[in-house]
Amino acid sequence: AILDKFLAEDPYSRVAVETLVTTNSVVIAGEVRGPQSITHEVMEQ
């Protein structure tokens, strides 16, 4: 879903995003090169 957001804003974005989910917790890590408008807050949403 995060990858799709980057490609929707800029089709040439570079994205490598890993996610971990456990009790009451999500961790999202990785490397991106794309629109600055896709902030950590946007990814959280």
ModelCIF file with pLDDT and N, C-alpha, C, O atoms, coordinates in Angstrom:
data_MODEL
#
_entry.id   MODEL 
#
_entity.id                         1 
_entity.type                       polymer 
_entity.pdbx_number_of_molecules   1 
#
_entity_poly.entity_id                      1 
_entity_poly.type                           'polypeptide(L)' 
_entity_poly.nstd_linkage                   no 
_entity_poly.nstd_monomer                   no 
_entity_poly.pdbx_seq_one_letter_code       AILDKFLAEDPYSRVAVETLVTTNSVVIAGEVRGPQSITHEVMEQ 
_entity_poly.pdbx_seq_one_letter_code_can   AILDKFLAEDPYSRVAVETLVTTNSVVIAGEVRGPQSITHEVMEQ 
_entity_poly.pdbx_strand_id                 A 
#
loop_
_entity_poly_seq.entity_id 
_entity_poly_seq.num 
_entity_poly_seq.mon_id 
_entity_poly_seq.hetero 
1 1  ALA n 
1 2  ILE n 
1 3  LEU n 
1 4  ASP n 
1 5  LYS n 
1 6  PHE n 
1 7  LEU n 
1 8  ALA n 
1 9  GLU n 
1 10 ASP n 
1 11 PRO n 
1 12 TYR n 
1 13 SER n 
1 14 ARG n 
1 15 VAL n 
1 16 ALA n 
1 17 VAL n 
1 18 GLU n 
1 19 THR n 
1 20 LEU n 
1 21 VAL n 
1 22 THR n 
1 23 THR n 
1 24 ASN n 
1 25 SER n 
1 26 VAL n 
1 27 VAL n 
1 28 ILE n 
1 29 ALA n 
1 30 GLY n 
1 31 GLU n 
1 32 VAL n 
1 33 ARG n 
1 34 GLY n 
1 35 PRO n 
1 36 GLN n 
1 37 SER n 
1 38 ILE n 
1 39 THR n 
1 40 HIS n 
1 41 GLU n 
1 42 VAL n 
1 43 MET n 
1 44 GLU n 
1 45 GLN n 
#
_struct_asym.id          A 
_struct_asym.entity_id   1 
#
loop_
_ma_qa_metric.id 
_ma_qa_metric.mode 
_ma_qa_metric.name 
_ma_qa_metric.software_group_id 
_ma_qa_metric.type 
1 global pLDDT . pLDDT 
2 local  pLDDT . pLDDT 
#
_ma_qa_metric_global.metric_id      1 
_ma_qa_metric_global.metric_value   97.27 
_ma_qa_metric_global.model_id       1 
_ma_qa_metric_global.ordinal_id     1 
#
loop_
_ma_qa_metric_local.label_asym_id 
_ma_qa_metric_local.label_comp_id 
_ma_qa_metric_local.label_seq_id 
_ma_qa_metric_local.metric_id 
_ma_qa_metric_local.metric_value 
_ma_qa_metric_local.model_id 
_ma_qa_metric_local.ordinal_id 
A ALA 1  2 98.00 1 1  
A ILE 2  2 98.00 1 2  
A LEU 3  2 98.00 1 3  
A ASP 4  2 98.00 1 4  
A LYS 5  2 98.00 1 5  
A PHE 6  2 98.00 1 6  
A LEU 7  2 98.00 1 7  
A ALA 8  2 98.00 1 8  
A GLU 9  2 98.00 1 9  
A ASP 10 2 97.00 1 10 
A PRO 11 2 97.00 1 11 
A TYR 12 2 95.00 1 12 
A SER 13 2 96.00 1 13 
A ARG 14 2 95.00 1 14 
A VAL 15 2 97.00 1 15 
A ALA 16 2 97.00 1 16 
A VAL 17 2 98.00 1 17 
A GLU 18 2 98.00 1 18 
A THR 19 2 98.00 1 19 
A LEU 20 2 98.00 1 20 
A VAL 21 2 98.00 1 21 
A THR 22 2 98.00 1 22 
A THR 23 2 98.00 1 23 
A ASN 24 2 97.00 1 24 
A SER 25 2 98.00 1 25 
A VAL 26 2 98.00 1 26 
A VAL 27 2 98.00 1 27 
A ILE 28 2 98.00 1 28 
A ALA 29 2 98.00 1 29 
A GLY 30 2 98.00 1 30 
A GLU 31 2 96.00 1 31 
A VAL 32 2 97.00 1 32 
A ARG 33 2 96.00 1 33 
A GLY 34 2 95.00 1 34 
A PRO 35 2 95.00 1 35 
A GLN 36 2 94.00 1 36 
A SER 37 2 96.00 1 37 
A ILE 38 2 97.00 1 38 
A THR 39 2 97.00 1 39 
A HIS 40 2 97.00 1 40 
A GLU 41 2 98.00 1 41 
A VAL 42 2 98.00 1 42 
A MET 43 2 98.00 1 43 
A GLU 44 2 98.00 1 44 
A GLN 45 2 98.00 1 45 
#
loop_
_atom_site.group_PDB 
_atom_site.id 
_atom_site.type_symbol 
_atom_site.label_atom_id 
_atom_site.label_alt_id 
_atom_site.label_comp_id 
_atom_site.label_asym_id 
_atom_site.label_entity_id 
_atom_site.label_seq_id 
_atom_site.pdbx_PDB_ins_code 
_atom_site.Cartn_x 
_atom_site.Cartn_y 
_atom_site.Cartn_z 
_atom_site.occupancy 
_atom_site.B_iso_or_equiv 
_atom_site.pdbx_formal_charge 
_atom_site.auth_seq_id 
_atom_site.auth_comp_id 
_atom_site.auth_asym_id 
_atom_site.auth_atom_id 
_atom_site.pdbx_PDB_model_num 
ATOM 1   N N  . ALA A 1 1  ? 0.846  -1.206 0.000   1.00 98.00 ? 1  ALA A N  1 
ATOM 2   C CA . ALA A 1 1  ? 0.000  0.000  0.000   1.00 98.00 ? 1  ALA A CA 1 
ATOM 3   C C  . ALA A 1 1  ? 0.881  1.255  0.000   1.00 98.00 ? 1  ALA A C  1 
ATOM 4   O O  . ALA A 1 1  ? 0.558  2.245  -0.656  1.00 98.00 ? 1  ALA A O  1 
ATOM 5   N N  . ILE A 1 2  ? 1.988  1.205  0.737   1.00 98.00 ? 2  ILE A N  1 
ATOM 6   C CA . ILE A 1 2  ? 2.932  2.335  0.751   1.00 98.00 ? 2  ILE A CA 1 
ATOM 7   C C  . ILE A 1 2  ? 3.616  2.458  -0.611  1.00 98.00 ? 2  ILE A C  1 
ATOM 8   O O  . ILE A 1 2  ? 3.775  3.562  -1.132  1.00 98.00 ? 2  ILE A O  1 
ATOM 9   N N  . LEU A 1 3  ? 4.018  1.323  -1.183  1.00 98.00 ? 3  LEU A N  1 
ATOM 10  C CA . LEU A 1 3  ? 4.599  1.332  -2.531  1.00 98.00 ? 3  LEU A CA 1 
ATOM 11  C C  . LEU A 1 3  ? 3.637  1.982  -3.529  1.00 98.00 ? 3  LEU A C  1 
ATOM 12  O O  . LEU A 1 3  ? 4.044  2.827  -4.325  1.00 98.00 ? 3  LEU A O  1 
ATOM 13  N N  . ASP A 1 4  ? 2.369  1.589  -3.485  1.00 98.00 ? 4  ASP A N  1 
ATOM 14  C CA . ASP A 1 4  ? 1.374  2.144  -4.412  1.00 98.00 ? 4  ASP A CA 1 
ATOM 15  C C  . ASP A 1 4  ? 1.240  3.658  -4.258  1.00 98.00 ? 4  ASP A C  1 
ATOM 16  O O  . ASP A 1 4  ? 1.073  4.371  -5.248  1.00 98.00 ? 4  ASP A O  1 
ATOM 17  N N  . LYS A 1 5  ? 1.311  4.146  -3.030  1.00 98.00 ? 5  LYS A N  1 
ATOM 18  C CA . LYS A 1 5  ? 1.227  5.593  -2.793  1.00 98.00 ? 5  LYS A CA 1 
ATOM 19  C C  . LYS A 1 5  ? 2.390  6.310  -3.488  1.00 98.00 ? 5  LYS A C  1 
ATOM 20  O O  . LYS A 1 5  ? 2.188  7.337  -4.136  1.00 98.00 ? 5  LYS A O  1 
ATOM 21  N N  . PHE A 1 6  ? 3.597  5.774  -3.355  1.00 98.00 ? 6  PHE A N  1 
ATOM 22  C CA . PHE A 1 6  ? 4.760  6.377  -4.012  1.00 98.00 ? 6  PHE A CA 1 
ATOM 23  C C  . PHE A 1 6  ? 4.604  6.363  -5.537  1.00 98.00 ? 6  PHE A C  1 
ATOM 24  O O  . PHE A 1 6  ? 4.864  7.367  -6.201  1.00 98.00 ? 6  PHE A O  1 
ATOM 25  N N  . LEU A 1 7  ? 4.178  5.219  -6.088  1.00 98.00 ? 7  LEU A N  1 
ATOM 26  C CA . LEU A 1 7  ? 4.058  5.106  -7.552  1.00 98.00 ? 7  LEU A CA 1 
ATOM 27  C C  . LEU A 1 7  ? 2.923  5.972  -8.093  1.00 98.00 ? 7  LEU A C  1 
ATOM 28  O O  . LEU A 1 7  ? 2.986  6.440  -9.230  1.00 98.00 ? 7  LEU A O  1 
ATOM 29  N N  . ALA A 1 8  ? 1.885  6.187  -7.283  1.00 98.00 ? 8  ALA A N  1 
ATOM 30  C CA . ALA A 1 8  ? 0.782  7.061  -7.702  1.00 98.00 ? 8  ALA A CA 1 
ATOM 31  C C  . ALA A 1 8  ? 1.261  8.510  -7.808  1.00 98.00 ? 8  ALA A C  1 
ATOM 32  O O  . ALA A 1 8  ? 0.832  9.246  -8.696  1.00 98.00 ? 8  ALA A O  1 
ATOM 33  N N  . GLU A 1 9  ? 2.142  8.911  -6.906  1.00 98.00 ? 9  GLU A N  1 
ATOM 34  C CA . GLU A 1 9  ? 2.656  10.289 -6.892  1.00 98.00 ? 9  GLU A CA 1 
ATOM 35  C C  . GLU A 1 9  ? 3.786  10.475 -7.909  1.00 98.00 ? 9  GLU A C  1 
ATOM 36  O O  . GLU A 1 9  ? 3.875  11.506 -8.575  1.00 98.00 ? 9  GLU A O  1 
ATOM 37  N N  . ASP A 1 10 ? 4.654  9.447  -8.017  1.00 97.00 ? 10 ASP A N  1 
ATOM 38  C CA . ASP A 1 10 ? 5.778  9.505  -8.962  1.00 97.00 ? 10 ASP A CA 1 
ATOM 39  C C  . ASP A 1 10 ? 6.058  8.082  -9.444  1.00 97.00 ? 10 ASP A C  1 
ATOM 40  O O  . ASP A 1 10 ? 6.575  7.263  -8.684  1.00 97.00 ? 10 ASP A O  1 
ATOM 41  N N  . PRO A 1 11 ? 5.716  7.779  -10.713 1.00 97.00 ? 11 PRO A N  1 
ATOM 42  C CA . PRO A 1 11 ? 5.857  6.402  -11.224 1.00 97.00 ? 11 PRO A CA 1 
ATOM 43  C C  . PRO A 1 11 ? 7.292  5.868  -11.176 1.00 97.00 ? 11 PRO A C  1 
ATOM 44  O O  . PRO A 1 11 ? 7.513  4.663  -11.293 1.00 97.00 ? 11 PRO A O  1 
ATOM 45  N N  . TYR A 1 12 ? 8.265  6.771  -11.004 1.00 95.00 ? 12 TYR A N  1 
ATOM 46  C CA . TYR A 1 12 ? 9.669  6.334  -11.008 1.00 95.00 ? 12 TYR A CA 1 
ATOM 47  C C  . TYR A 1 12 ? 10.265 6.321  -9.600  1.00 95.00 ? 12 TYR A C  1 
ATOM 48  O O  . TYR A 1 12 ? 11.485 6.294  -9.437  1.00 95.00 ? 12 TYR A O  1 
ATOM 49  N N  . SER A 1 13 ? 9.406  6.340  -8.595  1.00 96.00 ? 13 SER A N  1 
ATOM 50  C CA . SER A 1 13 ? 9.884  6.235  -7.206  1.00 96.00 ? 13 SER A CA 1 
ATOM 51  C C  . SER A 1 13 ? 10.657 4.942  -7.003  1.00 96.00 ? 13 SER A C  1 
ATOM 52  O O  . SER A 1 13 ? 10.381 3.929  -7.645  1.00 96.00 ? 13 SER A O  1 
ATOM 53  N N  . ARG A 1 14 ? 11.618 4.992  -6.109  1.00 95.00 ? 14 ARG A N  1 
ATOM 54  C CA . ARG A 1 14 ? 12.344 3.777  -5.690  1.00 95.00 ? 14 ARG A CA 1 
ATOM 55  C C  . ARG A 1 14 ? 11.892 3.449  -4.270  1.00 95.00 ? 14 ARG A C  1 
ATOM 56  O O  . ARG A 1 14 ? 11.942 4.294  -3.376  1.00 95.00 ? 14 ARG A O  1 
ATOM 57  N N  . VAL A 1 15 ? 11.456 2.227  -4.082  1.00 97.00 ? 15 VAL A N  1 
ATOM 58  C CA . VAL A 1 15 ? 10.876 1.852  -2.787  1.00 97.00 ? 15 VAL A CA 1 
ATOM 59  C C  . VAL A 1 15 ? 11.323 0.448  -2.398  1.00 97.00 ? 15 VAL A C  1 
ATOM 60  O O  . VAL A 1 15 ? 11.272 -0.483 -3.202  1.00 97.00 ? 15 VAL A O  1 
ATOM 61  N N  . ALA A 1 16 ? 11.763 0.314  -1.149  1.00 97.00 ? 16 ALA A N  1 
ATOM 62  C CA . ALA A 1 16 ? 12.003 -1.013 -0.557  1.00 97.00 ? 16 ALA A CA 1 
ATOM 63  C C  . ALA A 1 16 ? 11.553 -0.907 0.893   1.00 97.00 ? 16 ALA A C  1 
ATOM 64  O O  . ALA A 1 16 ? 12.314 -0.467 1.755   1.00 97.00 ? 16 ALA A O  1 
ATOM 65  N N  . VAL A 1 17 ? 10.323 -1.309 1.158   1.00 98.00 ? 17 VAL A N  1 
ATOM 66  C CA . VAL A 1 17 ? 9.719  -1.096 2.472   1.00 98.00 ? 17 VAL A CA 1 
ATOM 67  C C  . VAL A 1 17 ? 9.335  -2.426 3.114   1.00 98.00 ? 17 VAL A C  1 
ATOM 68  O O  . VAL A 1 17 ? 8.602  -3.225 2.531   1.00 98.00 ? 17 VAL A O  1 
ATOM 69  N N  . GLU A 1 18 ? 9.842  -2.647 4.320   1.00 98.00 ? 18 GLU A N  1 
ATOM 70  C CA . GLU A 1 18 ? 9.552  -3.862 5.087   1.00 98.00 ? 18 GLU A CA 1 
ATOM 71  C C  . GLU A 1 18 ? 8.673  -3.500 6.284   1.00 98.00 ? 18 GLU A C  1 
ATOM 72  O O  . GLU A 1 18 ? 8.821  -2.432 6.878   1.00 98.00 ? 18 GLU A O  1 
ATOM 73  N N  . THR A 1 19 ? 7.763  -4.401 6.625   1.00 98.00 ? 19 THR A N  1 
ATOM 74  C CA . THR A 1 19 ? 6.846  -4.152 7.745   1.00 98.00 ? 19 THR A CA 1 
ATOM 75  C C  . THR A 1 19 ? 6.887  -5.315 8.725   1.00 98.00 ? 19 THR A C  1 
ATOM 76  O O  . THR A 1 19 ? 6.979  -6.477 8.330   1.00 98.00 ? 19 THR A O  1 
ATOM 77  N N  . LEU A 1 20 ? 6.818  -4.983 10.010  1.00 98.00 ? 20 LEU A N  1 
ATOM 78  C CA . LEU A 1 20 ? 6.685  -5.990 11.075  1.00 98.00 ? 20 LEU A CA 1 
ATOM 79  C C  . LEU A 1 20 ? 5.408  -5.667 11.843  1.00 98.00 ? 20 LEU A C  1 
ATOM 80  O O  . LEU A 1 20 ? 5.172  -4.515 12.209  1.00 98.00 ? 20 LEU A O  1 
ATOM 81  N N  . VAL A 1 21 ? 4.588  -6.680 12.086  1.00 98.00 ? 21 VAL A N  1 
ATOM 82  C CA . VAL A 1 21 ? 3.370  -6.476 12.885  1.00 98.00 ? 21 VAL A CA 1 
ATOM 83  C C  . VAL A 1 21 ? 3.370  -7.449 14.059  1.00 98.00 ? 21 VAL A C  1 
ATOM 84  O O  . VAL A 1 21 ? 3.678  -8.631 13.906  1.00 98.00 ? 21 VAL A O  1 
ATOM 85  N N  . THR A 1 22 ? 3.016  -6.925 15.241  1.00 98.00 ? 22 THR A N  1 
ATOM 86  C CA . THR A 1 22 ? 2.891  -7.786 16.427  1.00 98.00 ? 22 THR A CA 1 
ATOM 87  C C  . THR A 1 22 ? 1.832  -7.159 17.332  1.00 98.00 ? 22 THR A C  1 
ATOM 88  O O  . THR A 1 22 ? 1.167  -6.205 16.927  1.00 98.00 ? 22 THR A O  1 
ATOM 89  N N  . THR A 1 23 ? 1.664  -7.675 18.538  1.00 98.00 ? 23 THR A N  1 
ATOM 90  C CA . THR A 1 23 ? 0.628  -7.164 19.435  1.00 98.00 ? 23 THR A CA 1 
ATOM 91  C C  . THR A 1 23 ? 0.739  -5.649 19.596  1.00 98.00 ? 23 THR A C  1 
ATOM 92  O O  . THR A 1 23 ? 1.778  -5.133 20.008  1.00 98.00 ? 23 THR A O  1 
ATOM 93  N N  . ASN A 1 24 ? -0.328 -4.955 19.272  1.00 97.00 ? 24 ASN A N  1 
ATOM 94  C CA . ASN A 1 24 ? -0.421 -3.494 19.435  1.00 97.00 ? 24 ASN A CA 1 
ATOM 95  C C  . ASN A 1 24 ? 0.708  -2.696 18.780  1.00 97.00 ? 24 ASN A C  1 
ATOM 96  O O  . ASN A 1 24 ? 0.964  -1.557 19.170  1.00 97.00 ? 24 ASN A O  1 
ATOM 97  N N  . SER A 1 25 ? 1.380  -3.280 17.795  1.00 98.00 ? 25 SER A N  1 
ATOM 98  C CA . SER A 1 25 ? 2.546  -2.586 17.254  1.00 98.00 ? 25 SER A CA 1 
ATOM 99  C C  . SER A 1 25 ? 2.802  -2.900 15.780  1.00 98.00 ? 25 SER A C  1 
ATOM 100 O O  . SER A 1 25 ? 2.671  -4.042 15.339  1.00 98.00 ? 25 SER A O  1 
ATOM 101 N N  . VAL A 1 26 ? 3.170  -1.856 15.029  1.00 98.00 ? 26 VAL A N  1 
ATOM 102 C CA . VAL A 1 26 ? 3.600  -1.996 13.633  1.00 98.00 ? 26 VAL A CA 1 
ATOM 103 C C  . VAL A 1 26 ? 4.904  -1.213 13.475  1.00 98.00 ? 26 VAL A C  1 
ATOM 104 O O  . VAL A 1 26 ? 4.992  -0.059 13.896  1.00 98.00 ? 26 VAL A O  1 
ATOM 105 N N  . VAL A 1 27 ? 5.905  -1.832 12.873  1.00 98.00 ? 27 VAL A N  1 
ATOM 106 C CA . VAL A 1 27 ? 7.155  -1.132 12.554  1.00 98.00 ? 27 VAL A CA 1 
ATOM 107 C C  . VAL A 1 27 ? 7.341  -1.172 11.039  1.00 98.00 ? 27 VAL A C  1 
ATOM 108 O O  . VAL A 1 27 ? 7.281  -2.241 10.431  1.00 98.00 ? 27 VAL A O  1 
ATOM 109 N N  . ILE A 1 28 ? 7.567  -0.006 10.431  1.00 98.00 ? 28 ILE A N  1 
ATOM 110 C CA . ILE A 1 28 ? 7.773  0.096  8.982   1.00 98.00 ? 28 ILE A CA 1 
ATOM 111 C C  . ILE A 1 28 ? 9.174  0.655  8.759   1.00 98.00 ? 28 ILE A C  1 
ATOM 112 O O  . ILE A 1 28 ? 9.491  1.746  9.233   1.00 98.00 ? 28 ILE A O  1 
ATOM 113 N N  . ALA A 1 29 ? 10.012 -0.092 8.038   1.00 98.00 ? 29 ALA A N  1 
ATOM 114 C CA . ALA A 1 29 ? 11.391 0.337  7.811   1.00 98.00 ? 29 ALA A CA 1 
ATOM 115 C C  . ALA A 1 29 ? 11.735 0.157  6.341   1.00 98.00 ? 29 ALA A C  1 
ATOM 116 O O  . ALA A 1 29 ? 11.041 -0.554 5.615   1.00 98.00 ? 29 ALA A O  1 
ATOM 117 N N  . GLY A 1 30 ? 12.817 0.807  5.905   1.00 98.00 ? 30 GLY A N  1 
ATOM 118 C CA . GLY A 1 30 ? 13.258 0.616  4.526   1.00 98.00 ? 30 GLY A CA 1 
ATOM 119 C C  . GLY A 1 30 ? 13.820 1.878  3.921   1.00 98.00 ? 30 GLY A C  1 
ATOM 120 O O  . GLY A 1 30 ? 14.061 2.873  4.604   1.00 98.00 ? 30 GLY A O  1 
ATOM 121 N N  . GLU A 1 31 ? 14.025 1.808  2.598   1.00 96.00 ? 31 GLU A N  1 
ATOM 122 C CA . GLU A 1 31 ? 14.646 2.899  1.859   1.00 96.00 ? 31 GLU A CA 1 
ATOM 123 C C  . GLU A 1 31 ? 13.718 3.334  0.731   1.00 96.00 ? 31 GLU A C  1 
ATOM 124 O O  . GLU A 1 31 ? 13.102 2.503  0.064   1.00 96.00 ? 31 GLU A O  1 
ATOM 125 N N  . VAL A 1 32 ? 13.627 4.648  0.525   1.00 97.00 ? 32 VAL A N  1 
ATOM 126 C CA . VAL A 1 32 ? 12.803 5.177  -0.561  1.00 97.00 ? 32 VAL A CA 1 
ATOM 127 C C  . VAL A 1 32 ? 13.523 6.329  -1.249  1.00 97.00 ? 32 VAL A C  1 
ATOM 128 O O  . VAL A 1 32 ? 14.379 6.993  -0.665  1.00 97.00 ? 32 VAL A O  1 
ATOM 129 N N  . ARG A 1 33 ? 13.149 6.544  -2.510  1.00 96.00 ? 33 ARG A N  1 
ATOM 130 C CA . ARG A 1 33 ? 13.537 7.767  -3.217  1.00 96.00 ? 33 ARG A CA 1 
ATOM 131 C C  . ARG A 1 33 ? 12.306 8.190  -3.991  1.00 96.00 ? 33 ARG A C  1 
ATOM 132 O O  . ARG A 1 33 ? 11.950 7.572  -4.995  1.00 96.00 ? 33 ARG A O  1 
ATOM 133 N N  . GLY A 1 34 ? 11.658 9.241  -3.524  1.00 95.00 ? 34 GLY A N  1 
ATOM 134 C CA . GLY A 1 34 ? 10.395 9.648  -4.139  1.00 95.00 ? 34 GLY A CA 1 
ATOM 135 C C  . GLY A 1 34 ? 9.914  10.942 -3.539  1.00 95.00 ? 34 GLY A C  1 
ATOM 136 O O  . GLY A 1 34 ? 10.680 11.640 -2.874  1.00 95.00 ? 34 GLY A O  1 
ATOM 137 N N  . PRO A 1 35 ? 8.644  11.280 -3.764  1.00 95.00 ? 35 PRO A N  1 
ATOM 138 C CA . PRO A 1 35 ? 8.110  12.580 -3.328  1.00 95.00 ? 35 PRO A CA 1 
ATOM 139 C C  . PRO A 1 35 ? 8.272  12.811 -1.823  1.00 95.00 ? 35 PRO A C  1 
ATOM 140 O O  . PRO A 1 35 ? 7.950  11.949 -1.005  1.00 95.00 ? 35 PRO A O  1 
ATOM 141 N N  . GLN A 1 36 ? 8.781  14.001 -1.481  1.00 94.00 ? 36 GLN A N  1 
ATOM 142 C CA . GLN A 1 36 ? 8.949  14.371 -0.062  1.00 94.00 ? 36 GLN A CA 1 
ATOM 143 C C  . GLN A 1 36 ? 7.602  14.494 0.641   1.00 94.00 ? 36 GLN A C  1 
ATOM 144 O O  . GLN A 1 36 ? 7.523  14.434 1.868   1.00 94.00 ? 36 GLN A O  1 
ATOM 145 N N  . SER A 1 37 ? 6.539  14.667 -0.154  1.00 96.00 ? 37 SER A N  1 
ATOM 146 C CA . SER A 1 37 ? 5.203  14.842 0.436   1.00 96.00 ? 37 SER A CA 1 
ATOM 147 C C  . SER A 1 37 ? 4.712  13.571 1.137   1.00 96.00 ? 37 SER A C  1 
ATOM 148 O O  . SER A 1 37 ? 3.806  13.625 1.968   1.00 96.00 ? 37 SER A O  1 
ATOM 149 N N  . ILE A 1 38 ? 5.324  12.411 0.790   1.00 97.00 ? 38 ILE A N  1 
ATOM 150 C CA . ILE A 1 38 ? 4.913  11.164 1.452   1.00 97.00 ? 38 ILE A CA 1 
ATOM 151 C C  . ILE A 1 38 ? 5.755  11.032 2.725   1.00 97.00 ? 38 ILE A C  1 
ATOM 152 O O  . ILE A 1 38 ? 6.801  10.383 2.751   1.00 97.00 ? 38 ILE A O  1 
ATOM 153 N N  . THR A 1 39 ? 5.252  11.670 3.763   1.00 97.00 ? 39 THR A N  1 
ATOM 154 C CA . THR A 1 39 ? 5.954  11.752 5.047   1.00 97.00 ? 39 THR A CA 1 
ATOM 155 C C  . THR A 1 39 ? 5.698  10.497 5.883   1.00 97.00 ? 39 THR A C  1 
ATOM 156 O O  . THR A 1 39 ? 4.909  9.631  5.503   1.00 97.00 ? 39 THR A O  1 
ATOM 157 N N  . HIS A 1 40 ? 6.372  10.417 7.016   1.00 97.00 ? 40 HIS A N  1 
ATOM 158 C CA . HIS A 1 40 ? 6.141  9.318  7.954   1.00 97.00 ? 40 HIS A CA 1 
ATOM 159 C C  . HIS A 1 40 ? 4.679  9.296  8.405   1.00 97.00 ? 40 HIS A C  1 
ATOM 160 O O  . HIS A 1 40 ? 4.102  8.228  8.607   1.00 97.00 ? 40 HIS A O  1 
ATOM 161 N N  . GLU A 1 41 ? 4.084  10.485 8.562   1.00 98.00 ? 41 GLU A N  1 
ATOM 162 C CA . GLU A 1 41 ? 2.670  10.567 8.984   1.00 98.00 ? 41 GLU A CA 1 
ATOM 163 C C  . GLU A 1 41 ? 1.750  9.979  7.907   1.00 98.00 ? 41 GLU A C  1 
ATOM 164 O O  . GLU A 1 41 ? 0.776  9.292  8.215   1.00 98.00 ? 41 GLU A O  1 
ATOM 165 N N  . VAL A 1 42 ? 2.075  10.258 6.643   1.00 98.00 ? 42 VAL A N  1 
ATOM 166 C CA . VAL A 1 42 ? 1.273  9.709  5.537   1.00 98.00 ? 42 VAL A CA 1 
ATOM 167 C C  . VAL A 1 42 ? 1.379  8.182  5.534   1.00 98.00 ? 42 VAL A C  1 
ATOM 168 O O  . VAL A 1 42 ? 0.377  7.487  5.369   1.00 98.00 ? 42 VAL A O  1 
ATOM 169 N N  . MET A 1 43 ? 2.602  7.665  5.718   1.00 98.00 ? 43 MET A N  1 
ATOM 170 C CA . MET A 1 43 ? 2.793  6.208  5.745   1.00 98.00 ? 43 MET A CA 1 
ATOM 171 C C  . MET A 1 43 ? 2.047  5.576  6.918   1.00 98.00 ? 43 MET A C  1 
ATOM 172 O O  . MET A 1 43 ? 1.479  4.493  6.786   1.00 98.00 ? 43 MET A O  1 
ATOM 173 N N  . GLU A 1 44 ? 2.051  6.247  8.051   1.00 98.00 ? 44 GLU A N  1 
ATOM 174 C CA . GLU A 1 44 ? 1.320  5.737  9.220   1.00 98.00 ? 44 GLU A CA 1 
ATOM 175 C C  . GLU A 1 44 ? -0.168 5.626  8.913   1.00 98.00 ? 44 GLU A C  1 
ATOM 176 O O  . GLU A 1 44 ? -0.805 4.632  9.261   1.00 98.00 ? 44 GLU A O  1 
ATOM 177 N N  . GLN A 1 45 ? -0.722 6.648  8.261   1.00 98.00 ? 45 GLN A N  1 
ATOM 178 C CA . GLN A 1 45 ? -2.150 6.631  7.930   1.00 98.00 ? 45 GLN A CA 1 
ATOM 179 C C  . GLN A 1 45 ? -2.474 5.523  6.925   1.00 98.00 ? 45 GLN A C  1 
ATOM 180 O O  . GLN A 1 45 ? -3.630 5.362  6.534   1.00 98.00 ? 45 GLN A O  1 
#
